[in-house]
PDB file of N, CA and C in Angstrom:
ATOM      1  N   MET A   1     -24.081 -36.700   3.230  1.00  0.00           N
ATOM      2  CA  MET A   1     -24.350 -35.439   2.546  1.00  0.00           C
ATOM      3  C   MET A   1     -24.031 -34.254   3.459  1.00  0.00           C
ATOM      4  N   LYS A   2     -24.536 -34.288   4.687  1.00  0.00           N
ATOM      5  CA  LYS A   2     -24.298 -33.179   5.612  1.00  0.00           C
ATOM      6  C   LYS A   2     -22.828 -33.114   6.010  1.00  0.00           C
ATOM      7  N   ILE A   3     -22.203 -34.273   6.151  1.00  0.00           N
ATOM      8  CA  ILE A   3     -20.785 -34.294   6.528  1.00  0.00           C
ATOM      9  C   ILE A   3     -19.940 -33.708   5.394  1.00  0.00           C
ATOM     10  N   GLY A   4     -20.298 -34.026   4.163  1.00  0.00           N
ATOM     11  CA  GLY A   4     -19.580 -33.482   3.009  1.00  0.00           C
ATOM     12  C   GLY A   4     -19.685 -31.970   2.940  1.00  0.00           C
ATOM     13  N   LEU A   5     -20.879 -31.446   3.199  1.00  0.00           N
ATOM     14  CA  LEU A   5     -21.056 -29.988   3.209  1.00  0.00           C
ATOM     15  C   LEU A   5     -20.245 -29.346   4.326  1.00  0.00           C
ATOM     16  N   LEU A   6     -20.226 -29.989   5.472  1.00  0.00           N
ATOM     17  CA  LEU A   6     -19.466 -29.474   6.607  1.00  0.00           C
ATOM     18  C   LEU A   6     -17.975 -29.439   6.282  1.00  0.00           C
ATOM     19  N   ILE A   7     -17.478 -30.514   5.688  1.00  0.00           N
ATOM     20  CA  ILE A   7     -16.063 -30.561   5.315  1.00  0.00           C
ATOM     21  C   ILE A   7     -15.761 -29.494   4.262  1.00  0.00           C
ATOM     22  N   LEU A   8     -16.650 -29.348   3.292  1.00  0.00           N
ATOM     23  CA  LEU A   8     -16.472 -28.338   2.251  1.00  0.00           C
ATOM     24  C   LEU A   8     -16.445 -26.928   2.848  1.00  0.00           C
ATOM     25  N   MET A   9     -17.325 -26.651   3.783  1.00  0.00           N
ATOM     26  CA  MET A   9     -17.347 -25.338   4.447  1.00  0.00           C
ATOM     27  C   MET A   9     -16.057 -25.100   5.221  1.00  0.00           C
ATOM     28  N   LEU A  10     -15.570 -26.120   5.910  1.00  0.00           N
ATOM     29  CA  LEU A  10     -14.323 -25.977   6.662  1.00  0.00           C
ATOM     30  C   LEU A  10     -13.146 -25.707   5.724  1.00  0.00           C
ATOM     31  N   VAL A  11     -13.137 -26.378   4.577  1.00  0.00           N
ATOM     32  CA  VAL A  11     -12.067 -26.146   3.603  1.00  0.00           C
ATOM     33  C   VAL A  11     -12.128 -24.711   3.085  1.00  0.00           C
ATOM     34  N   PHE A  12     -13.316 -24.229   2.756  1.00  0.00           N
ATOM     35  CA  PHE A  12     -13.449 -22.853   2.275  1.00  0.00           C
ATOM     36  C   PHE A  12     -13.031 -21.843   3.340  1.00  0.00           C
ATOM     37  N   ILE A  13     -13.396 -22.090   4.573  1.00  0.00           N
ATOM     38  CA  ILE A  13     -13.006 -21.185   5.659  1.00  0.00           C
ATOM     39  C   ILE A  13     -11.493 -21.190   5.828  1.00  0.00           C
ATOM     40  N   ALA A  14     -10.878 -22.376   5.744  1.00  0.00           N
ATOM     41  CA  ALA A  14      -9.420 -22.466   5.867  1.00  0.00           C
ATOM     42  C   ALA A  14      -8.734 -21.717   4.725  1.00  0.00           C
ATOM     43  N   ILE A  15      -9.252 -21.852   3.515  1.00  0.00           N
ATOM     44  CA  ILE A  15      -8.676 -21.134   2.369  1.00  0.00           C
ATOM     45  C   ILE A  15      -8.826 -19.633   2.557  1.00  0.00           C
ATOM     46  N   LEU A  16      -9.972 -19.194   3.030  1.00  0.00           N
ATOM     47  CA  LEU A  16     -10.212 -17.770   3.250  1.00  0.00           C
ATOM     48  C   LEU A  16      -9.254 -17.208   4.297  1.00  0.00           C
ATOM     49  N   ILE A  17      -9.084 -17.923   5.386  1.00  0.00           N
ATOM     50  CA  ILE A  17      -8.150 -17.477   6.429  1.00  0.00           C
ATOM     51  C   ILE A  17      -6.727 -17.440   5.882  1.00  0.00           C
ATOM     52  N   GLY A  18      -6.361 -18.445   5.092  1.00  0.00           N
ATOM     53  CA  GLY A  18      -5.033 -18.472   4.482  1.00  0.00           C
ATOM     54  C   GLY A  18      -4.803 -17.284   3.568  1.00  0.00           C
ATOM     55  N   LEU A  19      -5.810 -16.921   2.796  1.00  0.00           N
ATOM     56  CA  LEU A  19      -5.673 -15.763   1.911  1.00  0.00           C
ATOM     57  C   LEU A  19      -5.542 -14.463   2.698  1.00  0.00           C
ATOM     58  N   PHE A  20      -6.280 -14.343   3.795  1.00  0.00           N
ATOM     59  CA  PHE A  20      -6.151 -13.152   4.639  1.00  0.00           C
ATOM     60  C   PHE A  20      -4.742 -13.050   5.208  1.00  0.00           C
ATOM     61  N   ILE A  21      -4.203 -14.159   5.679  1.00  0.00           N
ATOM     62  CA  ILE A  21      -2.853 -14.155   6.247  1.00  0.00           C
ATOM     63  C   ILE A  21      -1.830 -13.804   5.173  1.00  0.00           C
ATOM     64  N   LEU A  22      -1.980 -14.385   3.991  1.00  0.00           N
ATOM     65  CA  LEU A  22      -1.058 -14.119   2.894  1.00  0.00           C
ATOM     66  C   LEU A  22      -1.095 -12.648   2.484  1.00  0.00           C
ATOM     67  N   SER A  23      -2.281 -12.085   2.366  1.00  0.00           N
ATOM     68  CA  SER A  23      -2.382 -10.680   1.964  1.00  0.00           C
ATOM     69  C   SER A  23      -1.830  -9.760   3.050  1.00  0.00           C
ATOM     70  N   TYR A  24      -2.009 -10.124   4.321  1.00  0.00           N
ATOM     71  CA  TYR A  24      -1.461  -9.313   5.411  1.00  0.00           C
ATOM     72  C   TYR A  24       0.062  -9.316   5.369  1.00  0.00           C
ATOM     73  N   LYS A  25       0.648 -10.489   5.117  1.00  0.00           N
ATOM     74  CA  LYS A  25       2.107 -10.571   5.034  1.00  0.00           C
ATOM     75  C   LYS A  25       2.631  -9.752   3.861  1.00  0.00           C
ATOM     76  N   MET A  26       1.939  -9.820   2.734  1.00  0.00           N
ATOM     77  CA  MET A  26       2.364  -9.041   1.573  1.00  0.00           C
ATOM     78  C   MET A  26       2.249  -7.546   1.851  1.00  0.00           C
ATOM     79  N   LEU A  27       1.188  -7.133   2.529  1.00  0.00           N
ATOM     80  CA  LEU A  27       1.001  -5.729   2.868  1.00  0.00           C
ATOM     81  C   LEU A  27       2.108  -5.240   3.796  1.00  0.00           C
ATOM     82  N   LYS A  28       2.468  -6.056   4.792  1.00  0.00           N
ATOM     83  CA  LYS A  28       3.558  -5.686   5.698  1.00  0.00           C
ATOM     84  C   LYS A  28       4.864  -5.530   4.939  1.00  0.00           C
ATOM     85  N   LYS A  29       5.125  -6.437   4.000  1.00  0.00           N
ATOM     86  CA  LYS A  29       6.361  -6.383   3.219  1.00  0.00           C
ATOM     87  C   LYS A  29       6.420  -5.110   2.384  1.00  0.00           C
ATOM     88  N   VAL A  30       5.320  -4.764   1.745  1.00  0.00           N
ATOM     89  CA  VAL A  30       5.284  -3.559   0.912  1.00  0.00           C
ATOM     90  C   VAL A  30       5.450  -2.316   1.771  1.00  0.00           C
ATOM     91  N   ARG A  31       4.807  -2.281   2.921  1.00  0.00           N
ATOM     92  CA  ARG A  31       4.947  -1.118   3.815  1.00  0.00           C
ATOM     93  C   ARG A  31       6.383  -0.961   4.275  1.00  0.00           C
ATOM     94  N   ARG A  32       7.040  -2.080   4.584  1.00  0.00           N
ATOM     95  CA  ARG A  32       8.427  -2.031   5.037  1.00  0.00           C
ATOM     96  C   ARG A  32       9.329  -1.516   3.923  1.00  0.00           C
ATOM     97  N   GLU A  33       9.063  -1.927   2.685  1.00  0.00           N
ATOM     98  CA  GLU A  33       9.887  -1.478   1.566  1.00  0.00           C
ATOM     99  C   GLU A  33       9.666  -0.003   1.262  1.00  0.00           C
ATOM    100  N   GLU A  34       8.448   0.485   1.427  1.00  0.00           N
ATOM    101  CA  GLU A  34       8.149   1.874   1.092  1.00  0.00           C
ATOM    102  C   GLU A  34       8.465   2.838   2.225  1.00  0.00           C
ATOM    103  N   GLN A  35       8.626   2.351   3.424  1.00  0.00           N
ATOM    104  CA  GLN A  35       8.833   3.236   4.568  1.00  0.00           C
ATOM    105  C   GLN A  35      10.108   4.075   4.459  1.00  0.00           C
ATOM    106  N   PRO A  36      11.256   3.505   4.097  1.00  0.00           N
ATOM    107  CA  PRO A  36      12.456   4.351   4.012  1.00  0.00           C
ATOM    108  C   PRO A  36      12.343   5.459   2.969  1.00  0.00           C
ATOM    109  N   SER A  37      11.569   5.241   1.943  1.00  0.00           N
ATOM    110  CA  SER A  37      11.450   6.252   0.896  1.00  0.00           C
ATOM    111  C   SER A  37      10.276   7.183   1.171  1.00  0.00           C
ATOM    112  N   LYS A  38      10.228   7.703   2.394  1.00  0.00           N
ATOM    113  CA  LYS A  38       9.146   8.623   2.763  1.00  0.00           C
ATOM    114  C   LYS A  38       9.230   9.920   1.977  1.00  0.00           C
ATOM    115  N   SER A  39      10.455  10.441   1.856  1.00  0.00           N
ATOM    116  CA  SER A  39      10.608  11.734   1.195  1.00  0.00           C
ATOM    117  C   SER A  39      10.262  11.586  -0.282  1.00  0.00           C
ATOM    118  N   VAL A  40       9.234  12.277  -0.655  1.00  0.00           N
ATOM    119  CA  VAL A  40       8.767  12.209  -2.035  1.00  0.00           C
ATOM    120  C   VAL A  40       9.509  13.259  -2.844  1.00  0.00           C
ATOM    121  N   GLU A  41      10.131  12.817  -3.893  1.00  0.00           N
ATOM    122  CA  GLU A  41      10.810  13.759  -4.765  1.00  0.00           C
ATOM    123  C   GLU A  41       9.828  14.201  -5.838  1.00  0.00           C
ATOM    124  N   TYR A  42       9.656  15.488  -5.938  1.00  0.00           N
ATOM    125  CA  TYR A  42       8.709  15.998  -6.918  1.00  0.00           C
ATOM    126  C   TYR A  42       9.338  17.172  -7.649  1.00  0.00           C
ATOM    127  N   GLN A  43       8.790  17.457  -8.802  1.00  0.00           N
ATOM    128  CA  GLN A  43       9.265  18.591  -9.584  1.00  0.00           C
ATOM    129  C   GLN A  43       8.114  19.568  -9.762  1.00  0.00           C
ATOM    130  N   LEU A  44       8.438  20.836  -9.600  1.00  0.00           N
ATOM    131  CA  LEU A  44       7.428  21.864  -9.794  1.00  0.00           C
ATOM    132  C   LEU A  44       7.320  22.220 -11.269  1.00  0.00           C
ATOM    133  N   HIS A  45       6.153  22.692 -11.606  1.00  0.00           N
ATOM    134  CA  HIS A  45       5.939  23.215 -12.955  1.00  0.00           C
ATOM    135  C   HIS A  45       6.852  24.429 -13.120  1.00  0.00           C
ATOM    136  N   PRO A  46       7.428  24.623 -14.302  1.00  0.00           N
ATOM    137  CA  PRO A  46       8.365  25.751 -14.477  1.00  0.00           C
ATOM    138  C   PRO A  46       7.806  27.107 -14.050  1.00  0.00           C
ATOM    139  N   LYS A  47       6.519  27.356 -14.299  1.00  0.00           N
ATOM    140  CA  LYS A  47       5.936  28.643 -13.894  1.00  0.00           C
ATOM    141  C   LYS A  47       5.895  28.764 -12.373  1.00  0.00           C
ATOM    142  N   LEU A  48       5.516  27.677 -11.699  1.00  0.00           N
ATOM    143  CA  LEU A  48       5.475  27.716 -10.238  1.00  0.00           C
ATOM    144  C   LEU A  48       6.877  27.854  -9.658  1.00  0.00           C
ATOM    145  N   LYS A  49       7.836  27.190 -10.277  1.00  0.00           N
ATOM    146  CA  LYS A  49       9.211  27.276  -9.800  1.00  0.00           C
ATOM    147  C   LYS A  49       9.722  28.709  -9.924  1.00  0.00           C
ATOM    148  N   ALA A  50       9.438  29.342 -11.054  1.00  0.00           N
ATOM    149  CA  ALA A  50       9.860  30.729 -11.258  1.00  0.00           C
ATOM    150  C   ALA A  50       9.186  31.647 -10.244  1.00  0.00           C
ATOM    151  N   GLU A  51       7.916  31.388  -9.966  1.00  0.00           N
ATOM    152  CA  GLU A  51       7.194  32.212  -8.995  1.00  0.00           C
ATOM    153  C   GLU A  51       7.786  32.051  -7.594  1.00  0.00           C
ATOM    154  N   MET A  52       8.141  30.836  -7.222  1.00  0.00           N
ATOM    155  CA  MET A  52       8.745  30.613  -5.902  1.00  0.00           C
ATOM    156  C   MET A  52      10.100  31.297  -5.804  1.00  0.00           C
ATOM    157  N   GLU A  53      10.900  31.194  -6.861  1.00  0.00           N
ATOM    158  CA  GLU A  53      12.209  31.852  -6.848  1.00  0.00           C
ATOM    159  C   GLU A  53      12.055  33.368  -6.767  1.00  0.00           C
ATOM    160  N   LYS A  54      11.036  33.886  -7.429  1.00  0.00           N
ATOM    161  CA  LYS A  54      10.778  35.327  -7.386  1.00  0.00           C
ATOM    162  C   LYS A  54      10.406  35.757  -5.970  1.00  0.00           C
ATOM    163  N   ARG A  55       9.557  34.972  -5.307  1.00  0.00           N
ATOM    164  CA  ARG A  55       9.165  35.296  -3.930  1.00  0.00           C
ATOM    165  C   ARG A  55      10.361  35.234  -2.987  1.00  0.00           C
ATOM    166  N   LYS A  56      11.234  34.250  -3.191  1.00  0.00           N
ATOM    167  CA  LYS A  56      12.415  34.129  -2.329  1.00  0.00           C
ATOM    168  C   LYS A  56      13.352  35.320  -2.527  1.00  0.00           C
ATOM    169  N   SER A  57      13.494  35.745  -3.762  1.00  0.00           N
ATOM    170  CA  SER A  57      14.403  36.868  -4.031  1.00  0.00           C
ATOM    171  C   SER A  57      13.816  38.194  -3.542  1.00  0.00           C
ATOM    172  N   ASP A  58      12.486  38.301  -3.477  1.00  0.00           N
ATOM    173  CA  ASP A  58      11.841  39.522  -2.990  1.00  0.00           C
ATOM    174  C   ASP A  58      12.007  39.686  -1.486  1.00  0.00           C
ATOM    175  N   LYS A  59      12.154  38.618  -0.779  1.00  0.00           N
ATOM    176  CA  LYS A  59      12.239  38.711   0.695  1.00  0.00           C
ATOM    177  C   LYS A  59      13.561  39.149   1.170  1.00  0.00           C
TER     178      LYS A  59
END
């Protein structure tokens, strides 16, 4: 009985460690894929865009 519990605990610990390693590898892969696309392309609201253009033309 005690040996069975010990084996079961070891199996659960091994599975837990395996999941941590797997998630770490996936996280590294995603970070590597997203790193080159650092520059975020965004669009301004038309009113804000007009205001920025107005400020640039005033200077």
